Amino acid sequence: MYGASQGGGYSKTVPIYFYGHKEAKVLNLQCCCKYYFYPSISNFWPGEEVVPLRKIMFKNKKLILIYTGFFLALILAFYFFAFRNYNFSNSKLAVINPTIPDFSFIDQNGDTITDALTKDKVYVAEYFFTTCKGICPKMNANMRRVYDTYKTNKDFLILSHTCMPETDSVPVLKAYEQKMIGGTLEKKSGGGYKVDAPAKPVVIANSNWYFLTGPKEELYKMARVGYMIDNGKPDSSQRIQDQFIHTQFFALVDRNGRVRGIYDGLEENEIQKMIGDIADLLKEKGNSSRFLGSFSNNPG
């Protein structure tokens, strides 16, 4: 192909070869067309640079790749900061209660236990009283099984709250701990489990099962407003001293302080499910909704 160049008081025809086209005469090739592919002549027009068309195409592709890489890096950086605390293998358990009130109780050792202890930990909460002869021994025998499963996991806790703080003092709770952890767990012939108290006191290495007491009003508030394991709605005129919670339900709380499951502590299939759900929650990272609240694990 030939191009007719004009400008500077002269005009001439120059051969310009475009790949894939036959040579042809092109009159009036504008001077602004600066880049040509001309295989044999390196400087046929004063002041103009002869550049291979393939070089121009390569240069444009290089710029495209640079810009594409830049924008991909921006996108990756955004997703890194948005999801760096999100674990995509999260449990599918729904969020039953997203906010549990702060609390402060006394454990079996006389130490103050607050919600700070549960930060970034998975735990199970329950209510019982030490002199109970009905559901409590069965419930806590099952809780002992949960304890035995996860007692070496530093990210797991059990909080057993007394529903009779007027009788379950710190020494009483300490003796109950001795029985529940130091005793022998046995499976009964008719089904279910029991814990036999040790014949004599044993040394207990317990770092994650806490037996709690405190003001009755605060204990009951946690059961009803926090863990949501008491369905009873006491008469507003009833004094707190006259109220009584007696529930067989366990509440499972995740690392972010959200109730994720409620289980019947007397049913074998419920205990097995809870043990499995604890394992799933332990795999989750804490504060998964810190950056993007819309990515919470609540299916609803």
Protein backbone atom coordinates (compact mmCIF):
# COMPACT_ATOMS: atom_id res chain seq x y z
CA MET A 1 0.00 0.00 0.00
CA TYR A 2 1.23 3.46 -0.77
CA GLY A 3 0.47 6.60 1.19
CA ALA A 4 0.62 10.14 -0.17
CA SER A 5 2.16 12.36 2.46
CA GLN A 6 1.59 16.11 2.49
CA GLY A 7 3.01 18.98 4.49
CA GLY A 8 5.98 21.29 4.69
CA GLY A 9 5.53 22.45 1.09
CA TYR A 10 6.08 19.13 -0.57
CA SER A 11 4.23 15.92 -1.16
CA LYS A 12 5.37 12.48 -2.14
CA THR A 13 4.12 8.95 -2.20
CA VAL A 14 5.63 6.58 0.31
CA PRO A 15 5.14 2.83 0.42
CA ILE A 16 3.43 1.62 3.61
CA TYR A 17 2.87 -2.05 4.11
CA PHE A 18 0.06 -3.26 6.39
CA TYR A 19 0.10 -6.90 7.24
CA GLY A 20 -2.53 -8.90 5.38
CA HIS A 21 -3.26 -6.23 2.74
CA LYS A 22 -2.09 -5.92 -0.80
CA GLU A 23 -0.27 -2.81 -1.85
CA ALA A 24 -2.57 -0.04 -2.99
CA LYS A 25 -2.26 3.66 -3.71
CA VAL A 26 -3.74 5.82 -0.97
CA LEU A 27 -3.90 9.50 -1.82
CA ASN A 28 -4.22 12.02 1.04
CA LEU A 29 -2.73 10.00 3.91
CA GLN A 30 -2.91 12.55 6.72
CA CYS A 31 0.31 13.67 8.37
CA CYS A 32 -1.15 12.77 11.77
CA CYS A 33 -0.77 9.11 10.84
CA LYS A 34 2.65 8.88 12.36
CA TYR A 35 3.16 5.16 12.92
CA TYR A 36 3.80 2.84 10.00
CA PHE A 37 5.11 -0.62 9.42
CA TYR A 38 7.75 -0.27 6.73
CA PRO A 39 10.18 -3.16 6.54
CA SER A 40 12.95 -1.73 4.38
CA ILE A 41 13.09 2.03 4.75
CA SER A 42 14.03 3.41 8.17
CA ASN A 43 13.83 7.14 7.53
CA PHE A 44 11.91 8.10 4.44
CA TRP A 45 10.22 11.25 5.72
CA PRO A 46 12.23 13.92 7.50
CA GLY A 47 11.23 14.33 11.13
CA GLU A 48 9.02 11.30 11.19
CA GLU A 49 9.74 8.00 12.93
CA VAL A 50 8.98 4.74 11.21
CA VAL A 51 7.59 2.31 13.81
CA PRO A 52 6.47 -1.24 13.05
CA LEU A 53 2.71 -1.69 13.47
CA ARG A 54 3.31 -4.93 15.37
CA LYS A 55 5.38 -2.97 17.90
CA ILE A 56 2.47 -0.58 18.43
CA MET A 57 0.07 -3.46 18.92
CA PHE A 58 2.47 -5.08 21.41
CA LYS A 59 2.82 -1.79 23.29
CA ASN A 60 -0.98 -1.43 23.55
CA LYS A 61 -1.36 -4.98 24.81
CA LYS A 62 1.30 -4.31 27.40
CA LEU A 63 -0.58 -1.24 28.65
CA ILE A 64 -3.82 -3.21 28.79
CA LEU A 65 -2.13 -5.90 30.86
CA ILE A 66 -0.67 -3.28 33.22
CA TYR A 67 -4.06 -1.60 33.75
CA THR A 68 -5.81 -4.95 34.16
CA GLY A 69 -3.28 -6.09 36.72
CA PHE A 70 -3.63 -2.81 38.63
CA PHE A 71 -7.41 -3.07 38.90
CA LEU A 72 -7.22 -6.74 39.83
CA ALA A 73 -4.80 -5.84 42.61
CA LEU A 74 -7.28 -3.21 43.89
CA ILE A 75 -10.12 -5.75 43.87
CA LEU A 76 -8.02 -8.37 45.67
CA ALA A 77 -6.95 -5.80 48.27
CA PHE A 78 -10.59 -4.87 48.91
CA TYR A 79 -11.67 -8.47 49.37
CA PHE A 80 -8.69 -9.17 51.60
CA PHE A 81 -9.61 -6.38 54.03
CA ALA A 82 -13.35 -7.09 53.75
CA PHE A 83 -13.14 -10.82 54.36
CA ARG A 84 -9.87 -11.35 56.23
CA ASN A 85 -11.81 -12.25 59.39
CA TYR A 86 -14.52 -14.21 57.61
CA ASN A 87 -14.33 -17.97 57.53
CA PHE A 88 -16.20 -19.39 54.54
CA SER A 89 -16.46 -22.77 56.27
CA ASN A 90 -18.75 -21.25 58.90
CA SER A 91 -21.39 -23.38 60.54
CA LYS A 92 -24.89 -23.13 59.08
CA LEU A 93 -26.44 -22.72 62.52
CA ALA A 94 -28.84 -19.80 62.68
CA VAL A 95 -28.29 -16.93 65.11
CA ILE A 96 -30.98 -17.26 67.77
CA ASN A 97 -29.89 -14.28 69.86
CA PRO A 98 -27.25 -11.90 68.46
CA THR A 99 -26.56 -10.09 71.73
CA ILE A 100 -26.01 -11.55 75.20
CA PRO A 101 -25.96 -9.10 78.13
CA ASP A 102 -22.75 -8.49 80.05
CA PHE A 103 -22.53 -10.47 83.25
CA SER A 104 -20.51 -10.86 86.43
CA PHE A 105 -20.86 -13.94 88.66
CA ILE A 106 -18.80 -15.89 91.22
CA ASP A 107 -17.45 -19.35 90.43
CA GLN A 108 -16.77 -22.41 92.61
CA ASN A 109 -13.35 -21.03 93.54
CA GLY A 110 -14.71 -17.69 94.73
CA ASP A 111 -13.34 -15.89 91.64
CA THR A 112 -15.28 -13.28 89.69
CA ILE A 113 -16.23 -14.51 86.22
CA THR A 114 -17.37 -11.96 83.63
CA ASP A 115 -18.26 -12.05 79.96
CA ALA A 116 -14.61 -11.13 79.26
CA LEU A 117 -13.75 -14.76 79.97
CA THR A 118 -15.91 -15.89 77.04
CA LYS A 119 -14.39 -13.53 74.50
CA ASP A 120 -13.49 -15.40 71.31
CA LYS A 121 -14.57 -18.71 72.90
CA VAL A 122 -17.35 -21.19 72.26
CA TYR A 123 -19.33 -22.17 75.35
CA VAL A 124 -22.40 -23.99 76.63
CA ALA A 125 -24.64 -22.45 79.31
CA GLU A 126 -27.08 -24.30 81.56
CA TYR A 127 -29.07 -23.91 84.80
CA PHE A 128 -29.26 -26.42 87.66
CA PHE A 129 -29.21 -26.63 91.47
CA THR A 130 -27.06 -28.95 93.54
CA THR A 131 -29.84 -30.58 95.56
CA CYS A 132 -31.96 -31.42 92.52
CA LYS A 133 -32.98 -35.09 92.41
CA GLY A 134 -34.92 -34.95 89.15
CA ILE A 135 -33.55 -33.73 85.82
CA CYS A 136 -30.31 -32.09 87.01
CA PRO A 137 -28.25 -35.28 87.59
CA LYS A 138 -29.18 -36.54 84.12
CA MET A 139 -28.46 -33.19 82.51
CA ASN A 140 -25.07 -32.82 84.16
CA ALA A 141 -24.08 -36.40 83.42
CA ASN A 142 -24.60 -35.48 79.77
CA MET A 143 -22.72 -32.23 80.33
CA ARG A 144 -19.86 -34.28 81.76
CA ARG A 145 -19.72 -36.12 78.42
CA VAL A 146 -19.44 -32.76 76.65
CA TYR A 147 -16.73 -31.72 79.10
CA ASP A 148 -14.78 -34.94 78.51
CA THR A 149 -14.96 -34.37 74.75
CA TYR A 150 -13.56 -30.82 74.82
CA LYS A 151 -11.78 -30.47 78.17
CA THR A 152 -8.37 -30.01 76.50
CA ASN A 153 -9.61 -27.35 74.09
CA LYS A 154 -8.64 -23.92 75.40
CA ASP A 155 -11.31 -22.28 73.24
CA PHE A 156 -14.23 -24.09 74.86
CA LEU A 157 -16.04 -23.41 78.15
CA ILE A 158 -19.05 -24.63 80.14
CA LEU A 159 -20.97 -22.18 82.35
CA SER A 160 -23.31 -23.95 84.79
CA HIS A 161 -25.47 -21.39 86.61
CA THR A 162 -27.29 -22.21 89.80
CA CYS A 163 -30.99 -21.36 89.84
CA MET A 164 -30.94 -21.44 93.67
CA PRO A 165 -28.20 -19.01 94.70
CA GLU A 166 -29.72 -18.75 98.18
CA THR A 167 -28.51 -22.30 98.91
CA ASP A 168 -25.76 -22.95 96.36
CA SER A 169 -22.87 -21.11 97.99
CA VAL A 170 -19.26 -21.17 96.77
CA PRO A 171 -18.29 -24.14 99.04
CA VAL A 172 -21.37 -26.07 97.91
CA LEU A 173 -20.52 -25.47 94.26
CA LYS A 174 -16.92 -26.53 94.91
CA ALA A 175 -18.13 -29.84 96.33
CA TYR A 176 -20.41 -30.26 93.34
CA GLU A 177 -17.46 -29.72 91.00
CA GLN A 178 -15.60 -32.45 92.87
CA LYS A 179 -18.45 -34.84 92.21
CA MET A 180 -19.12 -33.91 88.57
CA ILE A 181 -15.50 -33.82 87.38
CA GLY A 182 -13.78 -36.05 89.91
CA GLY A 183 -16.53 -38.68 89.87
CA THR A 184 -16.90 -41.66 87.57
CA LEU A 185 -19.10 -41.34 84.49
CA GLU A 186 -21.06 -44.54 83.81
CA LYS A 187 -23.59 -45.55 81.23
CA LYS A 188 -26.68 -47.03 82.85
CA SER A 189 -28.04 -50.38 81.69
CA GLY A 190 -31.44 -48.88 80.98
CA GLY A 191 -29.99 -46.03 78.95
CA GLY A 192 -28.62 -42.66 79.89
CA TYR A 193 -25.62 -41.77 82.03
CA LYS A 194 -24.83 -41.07 85.65
CA VAL A 195 -21.88 -39.70 87.63
CA ASP A 196 -20.84 -41.47 90.81
CA ALA A 197 -19.10 -39.28 93.38
CA PRO A 198 -15.50 -40.24 94.18
CA ALA A 199 -14.91 -42.21 97.37
CA LYS A 200 -12.45 -39.56 98.53
CA PRO A 201 -11.47 -36.08 97.28
CA VAL A 202 -9.36 -36.06 94.14
CA VAL A 203 -7.16 -33.41 92.58
CA ILE A 204 -9.04 -31.78 89.73
CA ALA A 205 -7.37 -30.06 86.81
CA ASN A 206 -10.38 -28.10 85.62
CA SER A 207 -9.82 -25.10 83.41
CA ASN A 208 -13.07 -24.80 81.48
CA TRP A 209 -16.13 -25.88 83.51
CA TYR A 210 -17.38 -23.10 85.77
CA PHE A 211 -20.17 -23.46 88.35
CA LEU A 212 -21.61 -19.98 88.92
CA THR A 213 -23.64 -18.19 91.54
CA GLY A 214 -24.63 -14.58 92.04
CA PRO A 215 -27.63 -12.29 92.44
CA LYS A 216 -30.77 -14.25 91.58
CA GLU A 217 -32.21 -11.46 89.48
CA GLU A 218 -29.06 -11.32 87.30
CA LEU A 219 -28.89 -15.10 86.97
CA TYR A 220 -32.50 -15.28 85.82
CA LYS A 221 -32.08 -12.33 83.47
CA MET A 222 -29.28 -14.19 81.70
CA ALA A 223 -31.42 -17.31 81.31
CA ARG A 224 -34.38 -15.38 79.89
CA VAL A 225 -32.87 -12.44 78.00
CA GLY A 226 -29.44 -13.80 77.18
CA TYR A 227 -29.54 -17.55 76.65
CA MET A 228 -33.30 -17.73 76.01
CA ILE A 229 -33.62 -21.13 77.69
CA ASP A 230 -36.51 -20.29 80.01
CA ASN A 231 -39.90 -20.00 78.36
CA GLY A 232 -41.65 -19.01 81.58
CA LYS A 233 -42.92 -15.47 81.78
CA PRO A 234 -43.30 -14.70 85.47
CA ASP A 235 -46.10 -12.51 86.69
CA SER A 236 -44.80 -8.95 86.84
CA SER A 237 -46.10 -8.75 90.36
CA GLN A 238 -44.18 -11.84 91.44
CA ARG A 239 -41.10 -11.10 93.48
CA ILE A 240 -37.77 -12.39 92.21
CA GLN A 241 -37.42 -14.32 95.48
CA ASP A 242 -40.56 -16.30 94.58
CA GLN A 243 -39.53 -17.08 90.99
CA PHE A 244 -37.95 -20.37 90.03
CA ILE A 245 -36.32 -21.52 86.80
CA HIS A 246 -36.10 -25.25 86.24
CA THR A 247 -35.13 -25.94 82.64
CA GLN A 248 -33.40 -28.87 80.94
CA PHE A 249 -32.19 -26.80 77.99
CA PHE A 250 -28.58 -26.01 77.09
CA ALA A 251 -27.60 -22.88 75.12
CA LEU A 252 -24.66 -22.97 72.70
CA VAL A 253 -22.84 -19.65 72.25
CA ASP A 254 -20.31 -18.85 69.52
CA ARG A 255 -17.07 -16.85 69.57
CA ASN A 256 -18.95 -13.63 68.87
CA GLY A 257 -21.24 -13.99 71.89
CA ARG A 258 -24.29 -15.10 69.91
CA VAL A 259 -26.63 -17.94 70.84
CA ARG A 260 -26.46 -20.41 67.96
CA GLY A 261 -28.30 -23.43 69.37
CA ILE A 262 -30.66 -24.59 72.12
CA TYR A 263 -30.69 -28.29 73.01
CA ASP A 264 -32.66 -30.57 75.28
CA GLY A 265 -30.13 -31.78 77.85
CA LEU A 266 -32.09 -34.98 78.46
CA GLU A 267 -32.27 -36.24 74.87
CA GLU A 268 -29.43 -38.34 73.45
CA ASN A 269 -29.86 -37.17 69.87
CA GLU A 270 -29.79 -33.54 71.05
CA ILE A 271 -26.57 -34.12 72.99
CA GLN A 272 -24.93 -35.76 69.99
CA LYS A 273 -25.99 -32.86 67.77
CA MET A 274 -24.65 -30.30 70.22
CA ILE A 275 -21.29 -32.07 70.43
CA GLY A 276 -21.05 -31.91 66.63
CA ASP A 277 -22.19 -28.27 66.49
CA ILE A 278 -19.55 -27.30 69.05
CA ALA A 279 -16.88 -28.71 66.74
CA ASP A 280 -18.26 -26.64 63.86
CA LEU A 281 -18.33 -23.43 65.87
CA LEU A 282 -14.78 -23.98 67.08
CA LYS A 283 -13.68 -23.83 63.42
CA GLU A 284 -15.19 -20.39 62.98
CA LYS A 285 -13.18 -17.22 63.44
CA GLY A 286 -14.23 -14.57 65.90
CA ASN A 287 -15.59 -11.15 64.88
CA SER A 288 -16.65 -12.35 61.43
CA SER A 289 -18.99 -9.36 61.02
CA ARG A 290 -16.48 -6.72 62.16
CA PHE A 291 -15.97 -5.27 58.68
CA LEU A 292 -19.16 -6.20 56.83
CA GLY A 293 -22.18 -6.75 59.01
CA SER A 294 -24.21 -7.99 56.04
CA PHE A 295 -22.04 -11.11 55.88
CA SER A 296 -23.16 -12.44 59.26
CA ASN A 297 -23.92 -16.09 59.62
CA ASN A 298 -27.63 -15.59 60.23
CA PRO A 299 -29.59 -17.31 57.44
CA GLY A 300 -32.57 -15.10 58.25
